[in-house]
Amino acid sequence: MTLARGAPPPHFRRMASNRPSAARDPDRFLTGQLLIAMPAMEDPRFSGSVIYLCAHTEEGAMGLVINRPLARPSFEELLRQLEIVPVPPARHIRLWAGGPVDNGRGFVLHTADWTGEGSLRVNEQLALTASLDVLKAIAEGGGPREGLLALGYAGWGPGQLETELAQNAWLTMPAPEALVFDAAHDTKWRRALAALRIDPLSLSAAAGHA
């Protein structure tokens, strides 16, 4: 697994510099919202998934699957691999399979009460960090109030996510912090649908946006 020391990867910097103005175009771009896979999702990589969209611009989209936990490595095992002390850590963070792209790289999605050199703000509430600083801070007992560590991410090219939305592959909704960070992964998809007052058993192929 790779996390950088210091500056974020180049695609992170592009994501930040190309973020659209929410005031200018609040409905077109979905940064900071959840994607909920429709029951008819054919791609097994995303069936039953809930994805937090870290970025959505004209150049594409990037998000993290937030309901597929990893059994291994544990956070303590990961710290040993990365030679981060202290071990055992004063705090722990849950590890998730964030998506099929670049799954050897780690991304920490966390509350914006803590930011480091490698952090980019997603919105007023959450930030994304791809540097070792955040893991060290958590291991020492500090860091953000809430966070998750995702290995890999989900990515879309220009216009690709918009096409999938038009084909009713996804539902969208605001991202409650409790839903993003809680550990009850096996019910997260159904709870997201319930927040939209949707019963998955009666959900048709037609969908709208929350």
N, C-alpha and C. Protein backbone atom coordinates (compact mmCIF):
# COMPACT_ATOMS: atom_id res chain seq x y z
N MET A 1 0.84 -1.20 0.00
CA MET A 1 0.00 0.00 0.00
C MET A 1 0.87 1.24 0.00
N THR A 2 0.41 2.27 -0.69
CA THR A 2 1.18 3.51 -0.81
C THR A 2 0.40 4.69 -0.30
N LEU A 3 1.02 5.45 0.60
CA LEU A 3 0.58 6.80 0.91
C LEU A 3 1.82 7.67 0.79
N ALA A 4 1.63 8.87 0.28
CA ALA A 4 2.77 9.74 0.05
C ALA A 4 3.12 10.54 1.29
N ARG A 5 4.37 10.96 1.36
CA ARG A 5 4.78 11.92 2.36
C ARG A 5 4.77 13.30 1.70
N GLY A 6 4.02 14.24 2.33
CA GLY A 6 4.03 15.60 1.80
C GLY A 6 2.92 15.84 0.81
N ALA A 7 3.28 16.31 -0.41
CA ALA A 7 2.29 16.79 -1.38
C ALA A 7 1.40 15.66 -1.88
N PRO A 8 0.13 15.97 -2.20
CA PRO A 8 -0.78 14.97 -2.73
C PRO A 8 -0.43 14.58 -4.14
N PRO A 9 -0.91 13.43 -4.64
CA PRO A 9 -0.64 13.02 -6.01
C PRO A 9 -1.17 14.03 -7.01
N PRO A 10 -0.64 14.03 -8.25
CA PRO A 10 -1.05 15.04 -9.25
C PRO A 10 -2.54 15.07 -9.52
N HIS A 11 -3.23 13.89 -9.57
CA HIS A 11 -4.65 13.93 -9.89
C HIS A 11 -5.45 14.55 -8.75
N PHE A 12 -4.91 14.54 -7.53
CA PHE A 12 -5.56 15.24 -6.43
C PHE A 12 -5.48 16.73 -6.65
N ARG A 13 -4.32 17.22 -7.08
CA ARG A 13 -4.16 18.65 -7.30
C ARG A 13 -5.08 19.13 -8.43
N ARG A 14 -5.21 18.32 -9.49
CA ARG A 14 -6.12 18.69 -10.58
C ARG A 14 -7.56 18.72 -10.09
N MET A 15 -7.90 17.76 -9.23
CA MET A 15 -9.25 17.71 -8.69
C MET A 15 -9.58 19.00 -7.95
N ALA A 16 -8.64 19.48 -7.15
CA ALA A 16 -8.87 20.69 -6.38
C ALA A 16 -8.95 21.92 -7.27
N SER A 17 -8.04 22.01 -8.25
CA SER A 17 -7.98 23.21 -9.07
C SER A 17 -9.15 23.32 -10.03
N ASN A 18 -9.78 22.17 -10.37
CA ASN A 18 -10.88 22.18 -11.33
C ASN A 18 -12.25 22.04 -10.69
N ARG A 19 -12.31 22.15 -9.36
CA ARG A 19 -13.60 22.00 -8.69
C ARG A 19 -14.54 23.12 -9.13
N PRO A 20 -15.76 22.77 -9.59
CA PRO A 20 -16.70 23.80 -10.05
C PRO A 20 -17.28 24.58 -8.88
N SER A 21 -17.77 25.74 -9.18
CA SER A 21 -18.44 26.55 -8.15
C SER A 21 -19.83 26.01 -7.88
N ALA A 22 -20.09 25.65 -6.63
CA ALA A 22 -21.41 25.13 -6.27
C ALA A 22 -22.49 26.19 -6.48
N ALA A 23 -22.11 27.45 -6.26
CA ALA A 23 -23.07 28.53 -6.45
C ALA A 23 -23.41 28.70 -7.93
N ARG A 24 -22.45 28.41 -8.82
CA ARG A 24 -22.68 28.59 -10.24
C ARG A 24 -23.48 27.45 -10.84
N ASP A 25 -23.25 26.23 -10.38
CA ASP A 25 -23.88 25.08 -11.00
C ASP A 25 -24.15 24.02 -9.94
N PRO A 26 -25.14 24.25 -9.04
CA PRO A 26 -25.31 23.38 -7.89
C PRO A 26 -25.86 22.00 -8.21
N ASP A 27 -26.54 21.84 -9.36
CA ASP A 27 -27.21 20.58 -9.65
C ASP A 27 -26.41 19.66 -10.58
N ARG A 28 -25.50 20.23 -11.35
CA ARG A 28 -24.80 19.43 -12.35
C ARG A 28 -23.74 18.54 -11.72
N PHE A 29 -23.03 19.06 -10.74
CA PHE A 29 -21.92 18.31 -10.15
C PHE A 29 -22.29 17.83 -8.75
N LEU A 30 -21.82 16.64 -8.41
CA LEU A 30 -22.28 15.93 -7.21
C LEU A 30 -21.19 15.71 -6.17
N THR A 31 -20.14 16.50 -6.20
CA THR A 31 -19.09 16.38 -5.19
C THR A 31 -19.69 16.43 -3.79
N GLY A 32 -19.29 15.48 -2.93
CA GLY A 32 -19.76 15.45 -1.56
C GLY A 32 -21.07 14.70 -1.37
N GLN A 33 -21.61 14.12 -2.43
CA GLN A 33 -22.86 13.35 -2.31
C GLN A 33 -22.57 11.85 -2.39
N LEU A 34 -23.61 11.06 -2.14
CA LEU A 34 -23.51 9.61 -2.23
C LEU A 34 -24.10 9.10 -3.53
N LEU A 35 -23.45 8.10 -4.10
CA LEU A 35 -24.02 7.31 -5.17
C LEU A 35 -24.48 5.99 -4.57
N ILE A 36 -25.70 5.59 -4.87
CA ILE A 36 -26.25 4.33 -4.38
C ILE A 36 -26.57 3.46 -5.58
N ALA A 37 -25.94 2.30 -5.66
CA ALA A 37 -26.15 1.42 -6.81
C ALA A 37 -27.59 0.94 -6.87
N MET A 38 -28.17 1.00 -8.05
CA MET A 38 -29.50 0.45 -8.26
C MET A 38 -29.44 -1.08 -8.16
N PRO A 39 -30.54 -1.74 -7.76
CA PRO A 39 -30.53 -3.20 -7.66
C PRO A 39 -30.16 -3.90 -8.96
N ALA A 40 -30.44 -3.26 -10.09
CA ALA A 40 -30.14 -3.87 -11.38
C ALA A 40 -28.70 -3.65 -11.84
N MET A 41 -27.86 -3.06 -10.99
CA MET A 41 -26.46 -2.82 -11.35
C MET A 41 -25.80 -4.12 -11.83
N GLU A 42 -25.29 -4.11 -13.06
CA GLU A 42 -24.72 -5.31 -13.64
C GLU A 42 -23.24 -5.49 -13.35
N ASP A 43 -22.55 -4.41 -13.04
CA ASP A 43 -21.12 -4.49 -12.78
C ASP A 43 -20.90 -5.08 -11.39
N PRO A 44 -20.33 -6.28 -11.27
CA PRO A 44 -20.16 -6.90 -9.95
C PRO A 44 -19.25 -6.10 -9.02
N ARG A 45 -18.42 -5.23 -9.58
CA ARG A 45 -17.54 -4.43 -8.74
C ARG A 45 -18.32 -3.39 -7.95
N PHE A 46 -19.52 -3.06 -8.40
CA PHE A 46 -20.29 -1.99 -7.76
C PHE A 46 -21.68 -2.43 -7.31
N SER A 47 -22.02 -3.70 -7.50
CA SER A 47 -23.33 -4.18 -7.08
C SER A 47 -23.50 -3.98 -5.57
N GLY A 48 -24.61 -3.36 -5.18
CA GLY A 48 -24.89 -3.13 -3.76
C GLY A 48 -23.99 -2.12 -3.09
N SER A 49 -23.32 -1.29 -3.86
CA SER A 49 -22.33 -0.38 -3.28
C SER A 49 -22.92 0.99 -2.96
N VAL A 50 -22.29 1.63 -1.98
CA VAL A 50 -22.54 3.03 -1.66
C VAL A 50 -21.21 3.75 -1.82
N ILE A 51 -21.19 4.80 -2.61
CA ILE A 51 -19.94 5.49 -2.95
C ILE A 51 -20.04 6.95 -2.54
N TYR A 52 -19.01 7.42 -1.83
CA TYR A 52 -18.91 8.85 -1.51
C TYR A 52 -18.13 9.52 -2.63
N LEU A 53 -18.73 10.53 -3.27
CA LEU A 53 -18.07 11.23 -4.37
C LEU A 53 -17.16 12.34 -3.83
N CYS A 54 -15.87 12.10 -3.94
CA CYS A 54 -14.88 13.07 -3.46
C CYS A 54 -14.69 14.21 -4.46
N ALA A 55 -14.96 13.95 -5.72
CA ALA A 55 -14.82 14.98 -6.75
C ALA A 55 -15.70 14.64 -7.94
N HIS A 56 -16.31 15.67 -8.52
CA HIS A 56 -17.09 15.52 -9.74
C HIS A 56 -16.99 16.84 -10.49
N THR A 57 -16.29 16.81 -11.61
CA THR A 57 -16.07 17.99 -12.42
C THR A 57 -16.30 17.64 -13.89
N GLU A 58 -16.07 18.59 -14.77
CA GLU A 58 -16.17 18.32 -16.20
C GLU A 58 -15.15 17.30 -16.65
N GLU A 59 -14.06 17.13 -15.91
CA GLU A 59 -13.03 16.18 -16.28
C GLU A 59 -13.32 14.76 -15.82
N GLY A 60 -14.37 14.56 -15.04
CA GLY A 60 -14.69 13.23 -14.57
C GLY A 60 -15.07 13.24 -13.10
N ALA A 61 -15.00 12.07 -12.48
CA ALA A 61 -15.39 11.93 -11.08
C ALA A 61 -14.51 10.91 -10.39
N MET A 62 -14.39 11.05 -9.07
CA MET A 62 -13.60 10.14 -8.25
C MET A 62 -14.36 9.93 -6.95
N GLY A 63 -14.52 8.68 -6.53
CA GLY A 63 -15.22 8.40 -5.30
C GLY A 63 -14.67 7.18 -4.59
N LEU A 64 -15.14 6.97 -3.35
CA LEU A 64 -14.70 5.85 -2.52
C LEU A 64 -15.90 5.01 -2.13
N VAL A 65 -15.82 3.71 -2.35
CA VAL A 65 -16.84 2.79 -1.86
C VAL A 65 -16.73 2.74 -0.34
N ILE A 66 -17.84 2.92 0.36
CA ILE A 66 -17.79 3.04 1.82
C ILE A 66 -18.55 1.92 2.53
N ASN A 67 -18.84 0.83 1.83
CA ASN A 67 -19.53 -0.27 2.51
C ASN A 67 -18.93 -1.64 2.19
N ARG A 68 -17.62 -1.66 1.89
CA ARG A 68 -16.93 -2.94 1.67
C ARG A 68 -15.66 -2.99 2.52
N PRO A 69 -15.78 -3.53 3.73
CA PRO A 69 -14.63 -3.54 4.64
C PRO A 69 -13.57 -4.54 4.20
N LEU A 70 -12.35 -4.29 4.62
CA LEU A 70 -11.24 -5.21 4.39
C LEU A 70 -10.92 -5.94 5.69
N ALA A 71 -10.84 -7.26 5.62
CA ALA A 71 -10.46 -8.04 6.80
C ALA A 71 -8.97 -7.91 7.09
N ARG A 72 -8.17 -7.79 6.06
CA ARG A 72 -6.73 -7.65 6.18
C ARG A 72 -6.23 -6.66 5.15
N PRO A 73 -5.24 -5.85 5.51
CA PRO A 73 -4.58 -5.83 6.81
C PRO A 73 -5.41 -5.09 7.85
N SER A 74 -5.14 -5.36 9.11
CA SER A 74 -5.71 -4.53 10.17
C SER A 74 -4.95 -3.21 10.20
N PHE A 75 -5.49 -2.24 10.91
CA PHE A 75 -4.80 -0.95 11.01
C PHE A 75 -3.43 -1.13 11.66
N GLU A 76 -3.35 -1.97 12.68
CA GLU A 76 -2.06 -2.19 13.34
C GLU A 76 -1.06 -2.85 12.40
N GLU A 77 -1.51 -3.82 11.61
CA GLU A 77 -0.63 -4.46 10.63
C GLU A 77 -0.16 -3.46 9.59
N LEU A 78 -1.05 -2.57 9.18
CA LEU A 78 -0.69 -1.56 8.19
C LEU A 78 0.37 -0.61 8.73
N LEU A 79 0.21 -0.19 9.98
CA LEU A 79 1.21 0.69 10.59
C LEU A 79 2.57 0.02 10.62
N ARG A 80 2.61 -1.26 10.92
CA ARG A 80 3.89 -1.98 10.94
C ARG A 80 4.50 -2.01 9.54
N GLN A 81 3.67 -2.26 8.52
CA GLN A 81 4.17 -2.29 7.14
C GLN A 81 4.75 -0.94 6.74
N LEU A 82 4.10 0.14 7.18
CA LEU A 82 4.52 1.49 6.79
C LEU A 82 5.54 2.09 7.76
N GLU A 83 5.88 1.32 8.80
CA GLU A 83 6.86 1.75 9.81
C GLU A 83 6.44 3.05 10.48
N ILE A 84 5.16 3.09 10.84
CA ILE A 84 4.61 4.24 11.55
C ILE A 84 4.42 3.85 13.01
N VAL A 85 4.88 4.68 13.91
CA VAL A 85 4.72 4.42 15.34
C VAL A 85 3.77 5.46 15.93
N PRO A 86 3.11 5.15 17.07
CA PRO A 86 3.31 3.97 17.90
C PRO A 86 2.48 2.77 17.44
N VAL A 87 3.00 1.58 17.74
CA VAL A 87 2.30 0.32 17.53
C VAL A 87 2.35 -0.46 18.83
N PRO A 88 1.22 -0.82 19.44
CA PRO A 88 -0.14 -0.61 18.94
C PRO A 88 -0.53 0.86 19.01
N PRO A 89 -1.45 1.28 18.12
CA PRO A 89 -1.83 2.70 18.05
C PRO A 89 -2.76 3.09 19.19
N ALA A 90 -2.76 4.37 19.51
CA ALA A 90 -3.67 4.89 20.52
C ALA A 90 -5.11 4.94 20.01
N ARG A 91 -5.28 5.08 18.70
CA ARG A 91 -6.60 5.05 18.05
C ARG A 91 -6.52 4.13 16.84
N HIS A 92 -7.68 3.68 16.39
CA HIS A 92 -7.75 2.84 15.20
C HIS A 92 -8.63 3.52 14.14
N ILE A 93 -8.46 3.09 12.90
CA ILE A 93 -9.29 3.55 11.79
C ILE A 93 -9.66 2.32 10.96
N ARG A 94 -10.89 2.28 10.46
CA ARG A 94 -11.35 1.13 9.68
C ARG A 94 -10.84 1.20 8.25
N LEU A 95 -10.55 0.02 7.67
CA LEU A 95 -10.06 -0.08 6.30
C LEU A 95 -11.16 -0.62 5.40
N TRP A 96 -11.29 -0.01 4.21
CA TRP A 96 -12.33 -0.37 3.27
C TRP A 96 -11.72 -0.57 1.88
N ALA A 97 -12.38 -1.40 1.07
CA ALA A 97 -12.01 -1.54 -0.34
C ALA A 97 -12.67 -0.40 -1.10
N GLY A 98 -11.89 0.63 -1.43
CA GLY A 98 -12.46 1.86 -1.96
C GLY A 98 -12.86 1.83 -3.41
N GLY A 99 -12.39 0.82 -4.16
CA GLY A 99 -12.74 0.74 -5.57
C GLY A 99 -11.69 0.00 -6.36
N PRO A 100 -11.96 -0.26 -7.63
CA PRO A 100 -11.06 -1.10 -8.43
C PRO A 100 -9.85 -0.39 -9.01
N VAL A 101 -9.78 0.94 -8.90
CA VAL A 101 -8.68 1.69 -9.51
C VAL A 101 -7.58 1.93 -8.48
N ASP A 102 -6.33 1.62 -8.86
CA ASP A 102 -5.16 1.95 -8.03
C ASP A 102 -5.33 1.44 -6.60
N ASN A 103 -5.72 0.15 -6.47
CA ASN A 103 -6.05 -0.35 -5.13
C ASN A 103 -4.84 -0.65 -4.27
N GLY A 104 -3.66 -0.27 -4.73
CA GLY A 104 -2.49 -0.31 -3.86
C GLY A 104 -2.24 1.02 -3.17
N ARG A 105 -3.09 2.01 -3.45
CA ARG A 105 -2.93 3.34 -2.86
C ARG A 105 -4.02 3.59 -1.83
N GLY A 106 -3.66 4.23 -0.72
CA GLY A 106 -4.61 4.51 0.33
C GLY A 106 -5.09 5.95 0.32
N PHE A 107 -6.36 6.14 0.63
CA PHE A 107 -6.99 7.45 0.71
C PHE A 107 -7.76 7.53 2.01
N VAL A 108 -7.51 8.55 2.81
CA VAL A 108 -8.23 8.72 4.06
C VAL A 108 -9.27 9.82 3.88
N LEU A 109 -10.53 9.43 3.98
CA LEU A 109 -11.64 10.39 3.98
C LEU A 109 -11.96 10.69 5.43
N HIS A 110 -12.01 11.96 5.80
CA HIS A 110 -12.14 12.29 7.21
C HIS A 110 -12.82 13.63 7.41
N THR A 111 -13.26 13.85 8.65
CA THR A 111 -13.86 15.14 9.00
C THR A 111 -12.81 16.23 8.90
N ALA A 112 -13.27 17.43 8.55
CA ALA A 112 -12.36 18.53 8.24
C ALA A 112 -11.87 19.29 9.48
N ASP A 113 -12.10 18.72 10.68
CA ASP A 113 -11.54 19.34 11.88
C ASP A 113 -10.04 19.16 11.96
N TRP A 114 -9.49 18.26 11.13
CA TRP A 114 -8.03 18.07 11.03
C TRP A 114 -7.66 18.08 9.56
N THR A 115 -6.61 18.81 9.20
CA THR A 115 -6.05 18.75 7.85
C THR A 115 -4.54 18.80 7.97
N GLY A 116 -3.87 18.18 7.00
CA GLY A 116 -2.42 18.19 6.95
C GLY A 116 -1.94 18.67 5.60
N GLU A 117 -0.64 18.53 5.37
CA GLU A 117 -0.04 19.02 4.12
C GLU A 117 -0.62 18.32 2.91
N GLY A 118 -0.99 17.05 3.05
CA GLY A 118 -1.51 16.30 1.92
C GLY A 118 -3.02 16.25 1.87
N SER A 119 -3.70 17.20 2.49
CA SER A 119 -5.17 17.18 2.55
C SER A 119 -5.79 18.12 1.52
N LEU A 120 -6.93 17.69 0.99
CA LEU A 120 -7.75 18.55 0.13
C LEU A 120 -9.16 18.55 0.67
N ARG A 121 -9.74 19.73 0.79
CA ARG A 121 -11.10 19.84 1.29
C ARG A 121 -12.08 19.40 0.20
N VAL A 122 -12.96 18.46 0.54
CA VAL A 122 -14.04 18.08 -0.36
C VAL A 122 -15.16 19.11 -0.28
N ASN A 123 -15.51 19.48 0.96
CA ASN A 123 -16.50 20.51 1.24
C ASN A 123 -16.23 21.05 2.64
N GLU A 124 -17.19 21.72 3.22
CA GLU A 124 -16.97 22.29 4.55
C GLU A 124 -16.85 21.23 5.63
N GLN A 125 -17.43 20.05 5.39
CA GLN A 125 -17.47 19.02 6.42
C GLN A 125 -16.33 18.01 6.32
N LEU A 126 -15.94 17.63 5.11
CA LEU A 126 -15.01 16.51 4.94
C LEU A 126 -13.80 16.89 4.10
N ALA A 127 -12.73 16.15 4.30
CA ALA A 127 -11.49 16.34 3.55
C ALA A 127 -10.94 14.97 3.15
N LEU A 128 -10.02 14.98 2.20
CA LEU A 128 -9.39 13.75 1.70
C LEU A 128 -7.89 13.92 1.82
N THR A 129 -7.24 12.93 2.41
CA THR A 129 -5.79 13.00 2.62
C THR A 129 -5.14 11.73 2.08
N ALA A 130 -4.07 11.90 1.32
CA ALA A 130 -3.35 10.76 0.75
C ALA A 130 -1.90 10.77 1.20
N SER A 131 -1.65 11.26 2.40
CA SER A 131 -0.29 11.27 2.94
C SER A 131 -0.25 10.51 4.26
N LEU A 132 0.97 10.14 4.68
CA LEU A 132 1.13 9.38 5.91
C LEU A 132 0.85 10.20 7.16
N ASP A 133 0.81 11.52 7.02
CA ASP A 133 0.64 12.38 8.20
C ASP A 133 -0.62 12.04 8.99
N VAL A 134 -1.71 11.76 8.27
CA VAL A 134 -2.97 11.51 8.96
C VAL A 134 -2.93 10.18 9.71
N LEU A 135 -2.27 9.17 9.16
CA LEU A 135 -2.17 7.89 9.86
C LEU A 135 -1.31 8.02 11.12
N LYS A 136 -0.25 8.78 11.02
CA LYS A 136 0.59 9.00 12.19
C LYS A 136 -0.16 9.75 13.28
N ALA A 137 -0.94 10.76 12.87
CA ALA A 137 -1.71 11.52 13.85
C ALA A 137 -2.74 10.64 14.55
N ILE A 138 -3.40 9.76 13.80
CA ILE A 138 -4.38 8.85 14.39
C ILE A 138 -3.69 7.87 15.32
N ALA A 139 -2.57 7.31 14.89
CA ALA A 139 -1.84 6.35 15.72
C ALA A 139 -1.41 6.96 17.04
N GLU A 140 -1.12 8.25 17.02
CA GLU A 140 -0.68 8.94 18.23
C GLU A 140 -1.85 9.37 19.12
N GLY A 141 -3.08 9.13 18.65
CA GLY A 141 -4.25 9.46 19.45
C GLY A 141 -4.94 10.75 19.04
N GLY A 142 -4.43 11.41 17.98
CA GLY A 142 -5.02 12.66 17.52
C GLY A 142 -5.70 12.48 16.18
N GLY A 143 -5.51 13.45 15.29
CA GLY A 143 -6.09 13.36 13.96
C GLY A 143 -7.54 13.77 13.93
N PRO A 144 -8.24 13.49 12.84
CA PRO A 144 -9.63 13.89 12.68
C PRO A 144 -10.56 13.13 13.62
N ARG A 145 -11.70 13.74 13.91
CA ARG A 145 -12.69 13.12 14.78
C ARG A 145 -13.21 11.82 14.19
N GLU A 146 -13.48 11.79 12.88
CA GLU A 146 -13.97 10.61 12.19
C GLU A 146 -13.17 10.42 10.91
N GLY A 147 -12.98 9.17 10.51
CA GLY A 147 -12.27 8.92 9.26
C GLY A 147 -12.37 7.47 8.85
N LEU A 148 -12.08 7.21 7.60
CA LEU A 148 -11.97 5.86 7.08
C LEU A 148 -10.82 5.82 6.08
N LEU A 149 -10.17 4.67 6.00
CA LEU A 149 -9.05 4.48 5.09
C LEU A 149 -9.48 3.54 3.98
N ALA A 150 -9.51 4.04 2.75
CA ALA A 150 -9.93 3.24 1.60
C ALA A 150 -8.71 2.90 0.76
N LEU A 151 -8.61 1.63 0.35
CA LEU A 151 -7.58 1.21 -0.59
C LEU A 151 -8.20 1.16 -1.97
N GLY A 152 -7.69 1.98 -2.88
CA GLY A 152 -8.26 2.09 -4.20
C GLY A 152 -9.42 3.07 -4.25
N TYR A 153 -9.90 3.34 -5.46
CA TYR A 153 -11.02 4.27 -5.62
C TYR A 153 -11.81 3.91 -6.87
N ALA A 154 -12.96 4.53 -7.02
CA ALA A 154 -13.78 4.40 -8.22
C ALA A 154 -13.60 5.67 -9.05
N GLY A 155 -13.38 5.50 -10.34
CA GLY A 155 -13.13 6.66 -11.20
C GLY A 155 -13.97 6.63 -12.46
N TRP A 156 -14.32 7.82 -12.93
CA TRP A 156 -15.09 7.98 -14.16
C TRP A 156 -14.41 9.04 -15.02
N GLY A 157 -14.38 8.82 -16.33
CA GLY A 157 -13.85 9.80 -17.25
C GLY A 157 -14.87 10.89 -17.55
N PRO A 158 -14.51 11.87 -18.38
CA PRO A 158 -15.43 12.97 -18.69
C PRO A 158 -16.76 12.45 -19.24
N GLY A 159 -17.85 12.85 -18.60
CA GLY A 159 -19.18 12.48 -19.06
C GLY A 159 -19.61 11.06 -18.73
N GLN A 160 -18.72 10.22 -18.22
CA GLN A 160 -19.06 8.82 -17.98
C GLN A 160 -20.09 8.66 -16.86
N LEU A 161 -19.89 9.37 -15.76
CA LEU A 161 -20.84 9.25 -14.66
C LEU A 161 -22.21 9.81 -15.07
N GLU A 162 -22.20 10.91 -15.81
CA GLU A 162 -23.46 11.49 -16.27
C GLU A 162 -24.24 10.49 -17.13
N THR A 163 -23.52 9.74 -17.96
CA THR A 163 -24.17 8.71 -18.79
C THR A 163 -24.77 7.62 -17.93
N GLU A 164 -24.04 7.18 -16.92
CA GLU A 164 -24.55 6.13 -16.03
C GLU A 164 -25.76 6.61 -15.24
N LEU A 165 -25.74 7.88 -14.84
CA LEU A 165 -26.90 8.43 -14.13
C LEU A 165 -28.12 8.48 -15.06
N ALA A 166 -27.90 8.87 -16.30
CA ALA A 166 -29.00 8.93 -17.26
C ALA A 166 -29.57 7.55 -17.55
N GLN A 167 -28.73 6.50 -17.40
CA GLN A 167 -29.15 5.12 -17.62
C GLN A 167 -29.74 4.50 -16.35
N ASN A 168 -29.90 5.32 -15.31
CA ASN A 168 -30.49 4.87 -14.05
C ASN A 168 -29.67 3.78 -13.36
N ALA A 169 -28.34 3.88 -13.45
CA ALA A 169 -27.47 2.94 -12.74
C ALA A 169 -27.33 3.32 -11.28
N TRP A 170 -27.53 4.60 -10.96
CA TRP A 170 -27.29 5.10 -9.61
C TRP A 170 -28.43 6.00 -9.14
N LEU A 171 -28.64 6.00 -7.85
CA LEU A 171 -29.39 7.04 -7.16
C LEU A 171 -28.39 7.96 -6.48
N THR A 172 -28.78 9.19 -6.21
CA THR A 172 -27.90 10.11 -5.51
C THR A 172 -28.63 10.71 -4.32
N MET A 173 -27.86 11.08 -3.30
CA MET A 173 -28.43 11.71 -2.11
C MET A 173 -27.34 12.44 -1.35
N PRO A 174 -27.70 13.39 -0.48
CA PRO A 174 -26.71 14.00 0.40
C PRO A 174 -26.05 12.93 1.27
N ALA A 175 -24.88 13.25 1.82
CA ALA A 175 -24.08 12.26 2.55
C ALA A 175 -24.08 12.55 4.04
N PRO A 176 -24.98 11.94 4.82
CA PRO A 176 -24.95 12.14 6.27
C PRO A 176 -23.65 11.57 6.85
N GLU A 177 -23.01 12.32 7.72
CA GLU A 177 -21.74 11.87 8.29
C GLU A 177 -21.87 10.52 8.98
N ALA A 178 -22.98 10.30 9.69
CA ALA A 178 -23.16 9.04 10.41
C ALA A 178 -23.18 7.86 9.46
N LEU A 179 -23.78 8.03 8.30
CA LEU A 179 -23.84 6.94 7.32
C LEU A 179 -22.48 6.70 6.68
N VAL A 180 -21.75 7.77 6.42
CA VAL A 180 -20.44 7.64 5.78
C VAL A 180 -19.47 6.86 6.65
N PHE A 181 -19.44 7.16 7.94
CA PHE A 181 -18.37 6.63 8.78
C PHE A 181 -18.76 5.46 9.68
N ASP A 182 -20.02 5.10 9.75
CA ASP A 182 -20.35 4.01 10.68
C ASP A 182 -19.85 2.67 10.15
N ALA A 183 -19.76 1.70 11.06
CA ALA A 183 -19.15 0.41 10.73
C ALA A 183 -20.14 -0.63 10.26
N ALA A 184 -21.44 -0.33 10.26
CA ALA A 184 -22.46 -1.32 9.91
C ALA A 184 -22.55 -1.44 8.39
N HIS A 185 -21.52 -2.01 7.79
CA HIS A 185 -21.40 -2.05 6.34
C HIS A 185 -22.49 -2.88 5.68
N ASP A 186 -22.95 -3.94 6.36
CA ASP A 186 -23.88 -4.86 5.73
C ASP A 186 -25.28 -4.28 5.56
N THR A 187 -25.58 -3.20 6.27
CA THR A 187 -26.90 -2.57 6.14
C THR A 187 -26.82 -1.17 5.51
N LYS A 188 -25.64 -0.73 5.16
CA LYS A 188 -25.48 0.67 4.71
C LYS A 188 -26.24 0.94 3.41
N TRP A 189 -26.21 0.00 2.47
CA TRP A 189 -26.91 0.20 1.20
C TRP A 189 -28.41 0.32 1.43
N ARG A 190 -28.97 -0.58 2.25
CA ARG A 190 -30.42 -0.52 2.53
C ARG A 190 -30.78 0.73 3.32
N ARG A 191 -29.92 1.15 4.23
CA ARG A 191 -30.21 2.35 5.01
C ARG A 191 -30.16 3.60 4.14
N ALA A 192 -29.25 3.60 3.17
CA ALA A 192 -29.20 4.73 2.24
C ALA A 192 -30.49 4.80 1.43
N LEU A 193 -30.96 3.65 0.95
CA LEU A 193 -32.23 3.63 0.23
C LEU A 193 -33.38 4.04 1.14
N ALA A 194 -33.35 3.58 2.40
CA ALA A 194 -34.41 3.94 3.33
C ALA A 194 -34.45 5.44 3.58
N ALA A 195 -33.27 6.08 3.57
CA ALA A 195 -33.23 7.54 3.74
C ALA A 195 -33.94 8.25 2.60
N LEU A 196 -33.99 7.59 1.44
CA LEU A 196 -34.72 8.13 0.29
C LEU A 196 -36.16 7.63 0.27
N ARG A 197 -36.54 6.88 1.32
CA ARG A 197 -37.89 6.29 1.42
C ARG A 197 -38.16 5.36 0.26
N ILE A 198 -37.15 4.53 -0.04
CA ILE A 198 -37.26 3.58 -1.14
C ILE A 198 -37.09 2.17 -0.60
N ASP A 199 -37.99 1.27 -0.99
CA ASP A 199 -37.89 -0.14 -0.67
C ASP A 199 -37.20 -0.82 -1.85
N PRO A 200 -36.02 -1.42 -1.64
CA PRO A 200 -35.30 -2.03 -2.77
C PRO A 200 -36.10 -3.13 -3.46
N LEU A 201 -37.02 -3.78 -2.74
CA LEU A 201 -37.80 -4.85 -3.34
C LEU A 201 -38.80 -4.32 -4.37
N SER A 202 -39.17 -3.05 -4.20
CA SER A 202 -40.15 -2.48 -5.14
C SER A 202 -39.54 -1.47 -6.09
N LEU A 203 -38.21 -1.34 -6.01
CA LEU A 203 -37.53 -0.34 -6.84
C LEU A 203 -37.49 -0.81 -8.28
N SER A 204 -37.95 0.02 -9.19
CA SER A 204 -37.93 -0.32 -10.62
C SER A 204 -36.65 0.19 -11.24
N ALA A 205 -36.49 -0.04 -12.51
CA ALA A 205 -35.31 0.44 -13.23
C ALA A 205 -35.33 1.94 -13.41
N ALA A 206 -36.48 2.57 -13.21
CA ALA A 206 -36.56 4.02 -13.32
C ALA A 206 -36.15 4.64 -12.01
N ALA A 207 -35.34 5.70 -12.05
CA ALA A 207 -34.86 6.33 -10.82
C ALA A 207 -34.73 7.82 -11.04
N GLY A 208 -34.73 8.52 -9.93
CA GLY A 208 -34.52 9.95 -9.97
C GLY A 208 -33.42 10.34 -9.02
N HIS A 209 -33.31 11.61 -8.75
CA HIS A 209 -32.30 12.13 -7.87
C HIS A 209 -32.95 12.71 -6.63
N ALA A 210 -32.30 12.48 -5.48
CA ALA A 210 -32.84 13.04 -4.24
C ALA A 210 -32.56 14.52 -4.18
